[in-house]
Amino acid sequence: MRLDKFLKVARVIKRRTLAKEVCDSGHATVNGRVAKAGLEVKPGDRVELNFGSRKVIFEILEIKETIPAKEADRLYKILE
């Protein structure tokens, strides 16, 4: 699954267009490498997002095309 789509499905970022902008502006890394929106992610990948002064680091646990909002946090585990 594409990184921008995962961020939207997992409800880390509300809109896919915003997720794409965050990725393409260089504020996202996957496994320590700068990631573009089209990067294919898989379970076990470590994602780091920089939102200004705030940094979110999480590990992808599961990939699903759709999931209810209440269960979206099961797709990843926040590390920092």
Protein backbone atom coordinates (compact mmCIF):
# COMPACT_ATOMS: atom_id res chain seq x y z
CA MET A 1 0.00 0.00 0.00
CA ARG A 2 1.20 3.52 -0.75
CA LEU A 3 2.45 5.54 2.21
CA ASP A 4 -0.03 8.39 1.70
CA LYS A 5 -2.95 5.96 1.53
CA PHE A 6 -1.80 4.16 4.69
CA LEU A 7 -1.59 7.46 6.59
CA LYS A 8 -5.17 8.24 5.57
CA VAL A 9 -6.61 4.74 6.23
CA ALA A 10 -4.90 4.57 9.65
CA ARG A 11 -6.24 8.07 10.44
CA VAL A 12 -2.76 9.42 11.18
CA ILE A 13 -3.57 12.24 8.73
CA LYS A 14 -7.21 13.00 7.92
CA ARG A 15 -6.98 13.61 4.17
CA ARG A 16 -4.96 11.79 1.55
CA THR A 17 -4.05 15.02 -0.26
CA LEU A 18 -2.56 16.39 2.96
CA ALA A 19 -0.71 13.09 3.52
CA LYS A 20 0.71 13.36 0.00
CA GLU A 21 1.88 16.93 0.62
CA VAL A 22 3.57 15.94 3.92
CA CYS A 23 5.37 13.05 2.22
CA ASP A 24 6.43 14.91 -0.90
CA SER A 25 7.75 17.89 1.09
CA GLY A 26 10.33 15.65 2.79
CA HIS A 27 8.69 15.47 6.23
CA ALA A 28 8.27 11.68 6.19
CA THR A 29 10.86 8.93 6.52
CA VAL A 30 10.44 5.18 6.35
CA ASN A 31 13.14 3.03 7.92
CA GLY A 32 15.45 6.05 8.12
CA ARG A 33 15.13 7.09 4.46
CA VAL A 34 13.19 10.08 3.12
CA ALA A 35 9.95 8.75 1.64
CA LYS A 36 7.69 10.02 -1.11
CA ALA A 37 3.92 9.44 -1.10
CA GLY A 38 4.11 6.53 -3.56
CA LEU A 39 6.47 4.41 -1.49
CA GLU A 40 5.05 0.94 -0.84
CA VAL A 41 4.92 0.25 2.91
CA LYS A 42 4.56 -3.10 4.65
CA PRO A 43 4.16 -4.40 8.20
CA GLY A 44 7.33 -3.85 10.22
CA ASP A 45 8.24 -0.55 8.56
CA ARG A 46 9.15 2.30 10.93
CA VAL A 47 7.64 5.64 9.88
CA GLU A 48 8.68 9.06 11.18
CA LEU A 49 6.59 12.17 10.47
CA ASN A 50 7.68 15.72 11.29
CA PHE A 51 4.89 18.23 11.90
CA GLY A 52 6.76 21.45 12.62
CA SER A 53 8.13 21.03 16.15
CA ARG A 54 6.23 17.77 16.73
CA LYS A 55 7.64 14.40 15.69
CA VAL A 56 5.61 11.17 15.48
CA ILE A 57 7.36 7.81 15.17
CA PHE A 58 5.40 4.59 14.71
CA GLU A 59 5.72 1.05 13.42
CA ILE A 60 3.24 -0.40 10.93
CA LEU A 61 1.64 -3.55 12.36
CA GLU A 62 -0.92 -4.39 9.71
CA ILE A 63 -2.07 -3.23 6.27
CA LYS A 64 -5.79 -3.05 5.41
CA GLU A 65 -7.56 -1.29 2.56
CA THR A 66 -10.43 -0.15 4.80
CA ILE A 67 -11.05 -0.25 8.53
CA PRO A 68 -13.61 1.34 10.88
CA ALA A 69 -12.37 4.53 12.57
CA LYS A 70 -12.57 2.93 16.03
CA GLU A 71 -10.11 0.21 15.00
CA ALA A 72 -7.70 2.33 12.95
CA ASP A 73 -5.14 2.55 15.77
CA ARG A 74 -4.62 -1.24 15.53
CA LEU A 75 -2.75 -0.72 12.26
CA TYR A 76 0.26 0.91 13.94
CA LYS A 77 2.10 1.21 17.25
CA ILE A 78 3.47 4.58 18.38
CA LEU A 79 7.12 4.32 19.42
CA GLU A 80 7.88 7.93 20.41
